[in-house]
Amino acid sequence: MTKTNEIREMNDEQLLHELRETQQELFRLRFQASTEKLDAPSSLRKLRKRIARIKTVQRERTLASAGQSES
């Protein structure tokens, strides 16, 4: 299963929780990177991509619900 499919299977509350956790983790890693104690610099990019995927799914759901309410 792809990462995007895993995210799409989550409900709205799970998405919001996952987004907050991922953003907090990104903040911690940025802090480590600024103090030069980051072991895997690629993890920053992975977290940014995960945040983008989550926000994309949230936006898709918002647009889908807006489209249904117009009909």
PDB file of N, CA and C in Angstrom:
ATOM      1  N   MET A   1       0.853  -1.181   0.000  1.00  0.00           N
ATOM      2  CA  MET A   1       0.000   0.000   0.000  1.00  0.00           C
ATOM      3  C   MET A   1       0.897   1.242   0.000  1.00  0.00           C
ATOM      4  N   THR A   2       0.542   2.226  -0.786  1.00  0.00           N
ATOM      5  CA  THR A   2       1.354   3.434  -0.844  1.00  0.00           C
ATOM      6  C   THR A   2       1.050   4.343   0.341  1.00  0.00           C
ATOM      7  N   LYS A   3       1.905   5.276   0.557  1.00  0.00           N
ATOM      8  CA  LYS A   3       1.749   6.187   1.683  1.00  0.00           C
ATOM      9  C   LYS A   3       0.498   7.043   1.529  1.00  0.00           C
ATOM     10  N   THR A   4       0.221   7.464   0.315  1.00  0.00           N
ATOM     11  CA  THR A   4      -0.951   8.291   0.085  1.00  0.00           C
ATOM     12  C   THR A   4      -2.228   7.506   0.365  1.00  0.00           C
ATOM     13  N   ASN A   5      -2.256   6.241  -0.011  1.00  0.00           N
ATOM     14  CA  ASN A   5      -3.430   5.422   0.276  1.00  0.00           C
ATOM     15  C   ASN A   5      -3.628   5.254   1.778  1.00  0.00           C
ATOM     16  N   GLU A   6      -2.535   5.101   2.512  1.00  0.00           N
ATOM     17  CA  GLU A   6      -2.632   4.997   3.965  1.00  0.00           C
ATOM     18  C   GLU A   6      -3.232   6.268   4.552  1.00  0.00           C
ATOM     19  N   ILE A   7      -2.825   7.401   4.029  1.00  0.00           N
ATOM     20  CA  ILE A   7      -3.340   8.678   4.518  1.00  0.00           C
ATOM     21  C   ILE A   7      -4.808   8.828   4.159  1.00  0.00           C
ATOM     22  N   ARG A   8      -5.186   8.418   2.962  1.00  0.00           N
ATOM     23  CA  ARG A   8      -6.589   8.533   2.544  1.00  0.00           C
ATOM     24  C   ARG A   8      -7.521   7.656   3.367  1.00  0.00           C
ATOM     25  N   GLU A   9      -7.005   6.577   3.937  1.00  0.00           N
ATOM     26  CA  GLU A   9      -7.827   5.682   4.749  1.00  0.00           C
ATOM     27  C   GLU A   9      -8.116   6.254   6.134  1.00  0.00           C
ATOM     28  N   MET A  10      -7.370   7.260   6.535  1.00  0.00           N
ATOM     29  CA  MET A  10      -7.578   7.873   7.850  1.00  0.00           C
ATOM     30  C   MET A  10      -8.819   8.758   7.823  1.00  0.00           C
ATOM     31  N   ASN A  11      -9.469   8.888   8.985  1.00  0.00           N
ATOM     32  CA  ASN A  11     -10.587   9.825   9.062  1.00  0.00           C
ATOM     33  C   ASN A  11     -10.034  11.225   9.353  1.00  0.00           C
ATOM     34  N   ASP A  12     -10.912  12.209   9.409  1.00  0.00           N
ATOM     35  CA  ASP A  12     -10.474  13.599   9.552  1.00  0.00           C
ATOM     36  C   ASP A  12      -9.722  13.844  10.862  1.00  0.00           C
ATOM     37  N   GLU A  13     -10.193  13.250  11.943  1.00  0.00           N
ATOM     38  CA  GLU A  13      -9.517  13.437  13.233  1.00  0.00           C
ATOM     39  C   GLU A  13      -8.129  12.820  13.225  1.00  0.00           C
ATOM     40  N   GLN A  14      -8.018  11.648  12.638  1.00  0.00           N
ATOM     41  CA  GLN A  14      -6.711  10.994  12.553  1.00  0.00           C
ATOM     42  C   GLN A  14      -5.757  11.814  11.694  1.00  0.00           C
ATOM     43  N   LEU A  15      -6.274  12.387  10.621  1.00  0.00           N
ATOM     44  CA  LEU A  15      -5.436  13.227   9.753  1.00  0.00           C
ATOM     45  C   LEU A  15      -4.917  14.436  10.511  1.00  0.00           C
ATOM     46  N   LEU A  16      -5.799  15.085  11.248  1.00  0.00           N
ATOM     47  CA  LEU A  16      -5.399  16.268  12.004  1.00  0.00           C
ATOM     48  C   LEU A  16      -4.352  15.906  13.052  1.00  0.00           C
ATOM     49  N   HIS A  17      -4.561  14.797  13.727  1.00  0.00           N
ATOM     50  CA  HIS A  17      -3.608  14.335  14.738  1.00  0.00           C
ATOM     51  C   HIS A  17      -2.257  14.000  14.093  1.00  0.00           C
ATOM     52  N   GLU A  18      -2.288  13.309  12.987  1.00  0.00           N
ATOM     53  CA  GLU A  18      -1.060  12.941  12.270  1.00  0.00           C
ATOM     54  C   GLU A  18      -0.325  14.187  11.783  1.00  0.00           C
ATOM     55  N   LEU A  19      -1.075  15.176  11.299  1.00  0.00           N
ATOM     56  CA  LEU A  19      -0.472  16.422  10.826  1.00  0.00           C
ATOM     57  C   LEU A  19       0.249  17.123  11.962  1.00  0.00           C
ATOM     58  N   ARG A  20      -0.405  17.232  13.105  1.00  0.00           N
ATOM     59  CA  ARG A  20       0.217  17.901  14.249  1.00  0.00           C
ATOM     60  C   ARG A  20       1.472  17.169  14.715  1.00  0.00           C
ATOM     61  N   GLU A  21       1.395  15.854  14.798  1.00  0.00           N
ATOM     62  CA  GLU A  21       2.565  15.080  15.223  1.00  0.00           C
ATOM     63  C   GLU A  21       3.720  15.232  14.244  1.00  0.00           C
ATOM     64  N   THR A  22       3.413  15.202  12.963  1.00  0.00           N
ATOM     65  CA  THR A  22       4.456  15.323  11.944  1.00  0.00           C
ATOM     66  C   THR A  22       5.086  16.707  11.973  1.00  0.00           C
ATOM     67  N   GLN A  23       4.264  17.739  12.178  1.00  0.00           N
ATOM     68  CA  GLN A  23       4.801  19.095  12.261  1.00  0.00           C
ATOM     69  C   GLN A  23       5.687  19.270  13.487  1.00  0.00           C
ATOM     70  N   GLN A  24       5.301  18.659  14.593  1.00  0.00           N
ATOM     71  CA  GLN A  24       6.130  18.732  15.800  1.00  0.00           C
ATOM     72  C   GLN A  24       7.463  18.011  15.595  1.00  0.00           C
ATOM     73  N   GLU A  25       7.398  16.866  14.945  1.00  0.00           N
ATOM     74  CA  GLU A  25       8.622  16.114  14.665  1.00  0.00           C
ATOM     75  C   GLU A  25       9.543  16.906  13.731  1.00  0.00           C
ATOM     76  N   LEU A  26       8.961  17.560  12.728  1.00  0.00           N
ATOM     77  CA  LEU A  26       9.745  18.388  11.813  1.00  0.00           C
ATOM     78  C   LEU A  26      10.415  19.526  12.570  1.00  0.00           C
ATOM     79  N   PHE A  27       9.687  20.125  13.500  1.00  0.00           N
ATOM     80  CA  PHE A  27      10.257  21.201  14.308  1.00  0.00           C
ATOM     81  C   PHE A  27      11.460  20.700  15.108  1.00  0.00           C
ATOM     82  N   ARG A  28      11.309  19.535  15.731  1.00  0.00           N
ATOM     83  CA  ARG A  28      12.414  18.966  16.515  1.00  0.00           C
ATOM     84  C   ARG A  28      13.620  18.675  15.630  1.00  0.00           C
ATOM     85  N   LEU A  29      13.362  18.132  14.445  1.00  0.00           N
ATOM     86  CA  LEU A  29      14.474  17.817  13.549  1.00  0.00           C
ATOM     87  C   LEU A  29      15.153  19.084  13.033  1.00  0.00           C
ATOM     88  N   ARG A  30      14.375  20.123  12.774  1.00  0.00           N
ATOM     89  CA  ARG A  30      14.985  21.387  12.346  1.00  0.00           C
ATOM     90  C   ARG A  30      15.883  21.942  13.439  1.00  0.00           C
ATOM     91  N   PHE A  31      15.426  21.809  14.663  1.00  0.00           N
ATOM     92  CA  PHE A  31      16.229  22.273  15.794  1.00  0.00           C
ATOM     93  C   PHE A  31      17.530  21.487  15.869  1.00  0.00           C
ATOM     94  N   GLN A  32      17.445  20.178  15.704  1.00  0.00           N
ATOM     95  CA  GLN A  32      18.650  19.348  15.708  1.00  0.00           C
ATOM     96  C   GLN A  32      19.570  19.719  14.551  1.00  0.00           C
ATOM     97  N   ALA A  33      18.978  20.021  13.405  1.00  0.00           N
ATOM     98  CA  ALA A  33      19.789  20.379  12.240  1.00  0.00           C
ATOM     99  C   ALA A  33      20.527  21.688  12.484  1.00  0.00           C
ATOM    100  N   SER A  34      19.885  22.626  13.170  1.00  0.00           N
ATOM    101  CA  SER A  34      20.538  23.905  13.417  1.00  0.00           C
ATOM    102  C   SER A  34      21.677  23.777  14.421  1.00  0.00           C
ATOM    103  N   THR A  35      21.598  22.776  15.302  1.00  0.00           N
ATOM    104  CA  THR A  35      22.676  22.544  16.247  1.00  0.00           C
ATOM    105  C   THR A  35      23.662  21.488  15.741  1.00  0.00           C
ATOM    106  N   GLU A  36      23.481  21.078  14.483  1.00  0.00           N
ATOM    107  CA  GLU A  36      24.358  20.125  13.802  1.00  0.00           C
ATOM    108  C   GLU A  36      24.419  18.763  14.496  1.00  0.00           C
ATOM    109  N   LYS A  37      23.303  18.326  15.049  1.00  0.00           N
ATOM    110  CA  LYS A  37      23.242  17.015  15.682  1.00  0.00           C
ATOM    111  C   LYS A  37      22.251  16.092  14.986  1.00  0.00           C
ATOM    112  N   LEU A  38      21.934  16.395  13.751  1.00  0.00           N
ATOM    113  CA  LEU A  38      20.966  15.607  12.991  1.00  0.00           C
ATOM    114  C   LEU A  38      21.687  14.446  12.302  1.00  0.00           C
ATOM    115  N   ASP A  39      21.212  13.235  12.568  1.00  0.00           N
ATOM    116  CA  ASP A  39      21.848  12.048  11.997  1.00  0.00           C
ATOM    117  C   ASP A  39      21.478  11.846  10.527  1.00  0.00           C
ATOM    118  N   ALA A  40      20.202  12.010  10.211  1.00  0.00           N
ATOM    119  CA  ALA A  40      19.731  11.745   8.849  1.00  0.00           C
ATOM    120  C   ALA A  40      19.060  12.995   8.270  1.00  0.00           C
ATOM    121  N   PRO A  41      19.785  13.803   7.535  1.00  0.00           N
ATOM    122  CA  PRO A  41      19.202  15.005   6.952  1.00  0.00           C
ATOM    123  C   PRO A  41      18.048  14.722   5.993  1.00  0.00           C
ATOM    124  N   SER A  42      18.016  13.519   5.424  1.00  0.00           N
ATOM    125  CA  SER A  42      16.934  13.184   4.493  1.00  0.00           C
ATOM    126  C   SER A  42      15.588  13.083   5.207  1.00  0.00           C
ATOM    127  N   SER A  43      15.605  12.913   6.517  1.00  0.00           N
ATOM    128  CA  SER A  43      14.346  12.808   7.258  1.00  0.00           C
ATOM    129  C   SER A  43      13.559  14.120   7.216  1.00  0.00           C
ATOM    130  N   LEU A  44      14.245  15.250   7.101  1.00  0.00           N
ATOM    131  CA  LEU A  44      13.553  16.535   6.973  1.00  0.00           C
ATOM    132  C   LEU A  44      12.690  16.555   5.715  1.00  0.00           C
ATOM    133  N   ARG A  45      13.279  16.123   4.616  1.00  0.00           N
ATOM    134  CA  ARG A  45      12.556  16.105   3.348  1.00  0.00           C
ATOM    135  C   ARG A  45      11.374  15.139   3.398  1.00  0.00           C
ATOM    136  N   LYS A  46      11.573  13.970   4.011  1.00  0.00           N
ATOM    137  CA  LYS A  46      10.503  12.986   4.121  1.00  0.00           C
ATOM    138  C   LYS A  46       9.330  13.528   4.926  1.00  0.00           C
ATOM    139  N   LEU A  47       9.634  14.230   6.020  1.00  0.00           N
ATOM    140  CA  LEU A  47       8.559  14.789   6.834  1.00  0.00           C
ATOM    141  C   LEU A  47       7.817  15.901   6.098  1.00  0.00           C
ATOM    142  N   ARG A  48       8.549  16.734   5.371  1.00  0.00           N
ATOM    143  CA  ARG A  48       7.883  17.792   4.597  1.00  0.00           C
ATOM    144  C   ARG A  48       6.951  17.198   3.554  1.00  0.00           C
ATOM    145  N   LYS A  49       7.387  16.129   2.915  1.00  0.00           N
ATOM    146  CA  LYS A  49       6.540  15.465   1.920  1.00  0.00           C
ATOM    147  C   LYS A  49       5.311  14.847   2.570  1.00  0.00           C
ATOM    148  N   ARG A  50       5.490  14.257   3.760  1.00  0.00           N
ATOM    149  CA  ARG A  50       4.345  13.661   4.471  1.00  0.00           C
ATOM    150  C   ARG A  50       3.340  14.738   4.842  1.00  0.00           C
ATOM    151  N   ILE A  51       3.814  15.889   5.297  1.00  0.00           N
ATOM    152  CA  ILE A  51       2.919  17.000   5.623  1.00  0.00           C
ATOM    153  C   ILE A  51       2.164  17.444   4.370  1.00  0.00           C
ATOM    154  N   ALA A  52       2.854  17.528   3.254  1.00  0.00           N
ATOM    155  CA  ALA A  52       2.212  17.929   1.999  1.00  0.00           C
ATOM    156  C   ALA A  52       1.149  16.922   1.581  1.00  0.00           C
ATOM    157  N   ARG A  53       1.428  15.634   1.746  1.00  0.00           N
ATOM    158  CA  ARG A  53       0.433  14.607   1.405  1.00  0.00           C
ATOM    159  C   ARG A  53      -0.810  14.738   2.277  1.00  0.00           C
ATOM    160  N   ILE A  54      -0.599  14.948   3.567  1.00  0.00           N
ATOM    161  CA  ILE A  54      -1.730  15.072   4.485  1.00  0.00           C
ATOM    162  C   ILE A  54      -2.573  16.287   4.123  1.00  0.00           C
ATOM    163  N   LYS A  55      -1.916  17.414   3.876  1.00  0.00           N
ATOM    164  CA  LYS A  55      -2.650  18.632   3.514  1.00  0.00           C
ATOM    165  C   LYS A  55      -3.372  18.478   2.183  1.00  0.00           C
ATOM    166  N   THR A  56      -2.789  17.738   1.259  1.00  0.00           N
ATOM    167  CA  THR A  56      -3.432  17.497  -0.031  1.00  0.00           C
ATOM    168  C   THR A  56      -4.710  16.694   0.154  1.00  0.00           C
ATOM    169  N   VAL A  57      -4.664  15.660   0.966  1.00  0.00           N
ATOM    170  CA  VAL A  57      -5.849  14.835   1.219  1.00  0.00           C
ATOM    171  C   VAL A  57      -6.914  15.659   1.934  1.00  0.00           C
ATOM    172  N   GLN A  58      -6.498  16.492   2.891  1.00  0.00           N
ATOM    173  CA  GLN A  58      -7.466  17.349   3.577  1.00  0.00           C
ATOM    174  C   GLN A  58      -8.135  18.304   2.587  1.00  0.00           C
ATOM    175  N   ARG A  59      -7.363  18.864   1.683  1.00  0.00           N
ATOM    176  CA  ARG A  59      -7.909  19.792   0.687  1.00  0.00           C
ATOM    177  C   ARG A  59      -8.851  19.066  -0.267  1.00  0.00           C
ATOM    178  N   GLU A  60      -8.496  17.857  -0.680  1.00  0.00           N
ATOM    179  CA  GLU A  60      -9.373  17.073  -1.553  1.00  0.00           C
ATOM    180  C   GLU A  60     -10.719  16.834  -0.879  1.00  0.00           C
ATOM    181  N   ARG A  61     -10.681  16.517   0.398  1.00  0.00           N
ATOM    182  CA  ARG A  61     -11.921  16.273   1.136  1.00  0.00           C
ATOM    183  C   ARG A  61     -12.752  17.541   1.279  1.00  0.00           C
ATOM    184  N   THR A  62     -12.079  18.675   1.498  1.00  0.00           N
ATOM    185  CA  THR A  62     -12.781  19.948   1.592  1.00  0.00           C
ATOM    186  C   THR A  62     -13.478  20.283   0.287  1.00  0.00           C
ATOM    187  N   LEU A  63     -12.758  20.108  -0.806  1.00  0.00           N
ATOM    188  CA  LEU A  63     -13.342  20.393  -2.125  1.00  0.00           C
ATOM    189  C   LEU A  63     -14.476  19.431  -2.450  1.00  0.00           C
ATOM    190  N   ALA A  64     -14.336  18.170  -2.069  1.00  0.00           N
ATOM    191  CA  ALA A  64     -15.377  17.181  -2.328  1.00  0.00           C
ATOM    192  C   ALA A  64     -16.641  17.510  -1.540  1.00  0.00           C
ATOM    193  N   SER A  65     -16.474  17.919  -0.284  1.00  0.00           N
ATOM    194  CA  SER A  65     -17.651  18.249   0.522  1.00  0.00           C
ATOM    195  C   SER A  65     -18.297  19.544   0.042  1.00  0.00           C
ATOM    196  N   ALA A  66     -17.499  20.481  -0.457  1.00  0.00           N
ATOM    197  CA  ALA A  66     -18.059  21.721  -1.001  1.00  0.00           C
ATOM    198  C   ALA A  66     -18.810  21.434  -2.301  1.00  0.00           C
ATOM    199  N   GLY A  67     -18.301  20.526  -3.102  1.00  0.00           N
ATOM    200  CA  GLY A  67     -18.968  20.155  -4.345  1.00  0.00           C
ATOM    201  C   GLY A  67     -20.272  19.450  -4.096  1.00  0.00           C
ATOM    202  N   GLN A  68     -20.339  18.652  -3.064  1.00  0.00           N
ATOM    203  CA  GLN A  68     -21.570  17.936  -2.741  1.00  0.00           C
ATOM    204  C   GLN A  68     -22.615  18.876  -2.154  1.00  0.00           C
ATOM    205  N   SER A  69     -22.182  19.885  -1.408  1.00  0.00           N
ATOM    206  CA  SER A  69     -23.145  20.798  -0.811  1.00  0.00           C
ATOM    207  C   SER A  69     -23.742  21.731  -1.860  1.00  0.00           C
ATOM    208  N   GLU A  70     -23.032  21.972  -2.969  1.00  0.00           N
ATOM    209  CA  GLU A  70     -23.559  22.815  -4.041  1.00  0.00           C
ATOM    210  C   GLU A  70     -24.645  22.110  -4.828  1.00  0.00           C
ATOM    211  N   SER A  71     -24.589  20.794  -4.894  1.00  0.00           N
ATOM    212  CA  SER A  71     -25.552  20.036  -5.698  1.00  0.00           C
ATOM    213  C   SER A  71     -26.896  19.951  -5.062  1.00  0.00           C
TER     214      SER A  71
END
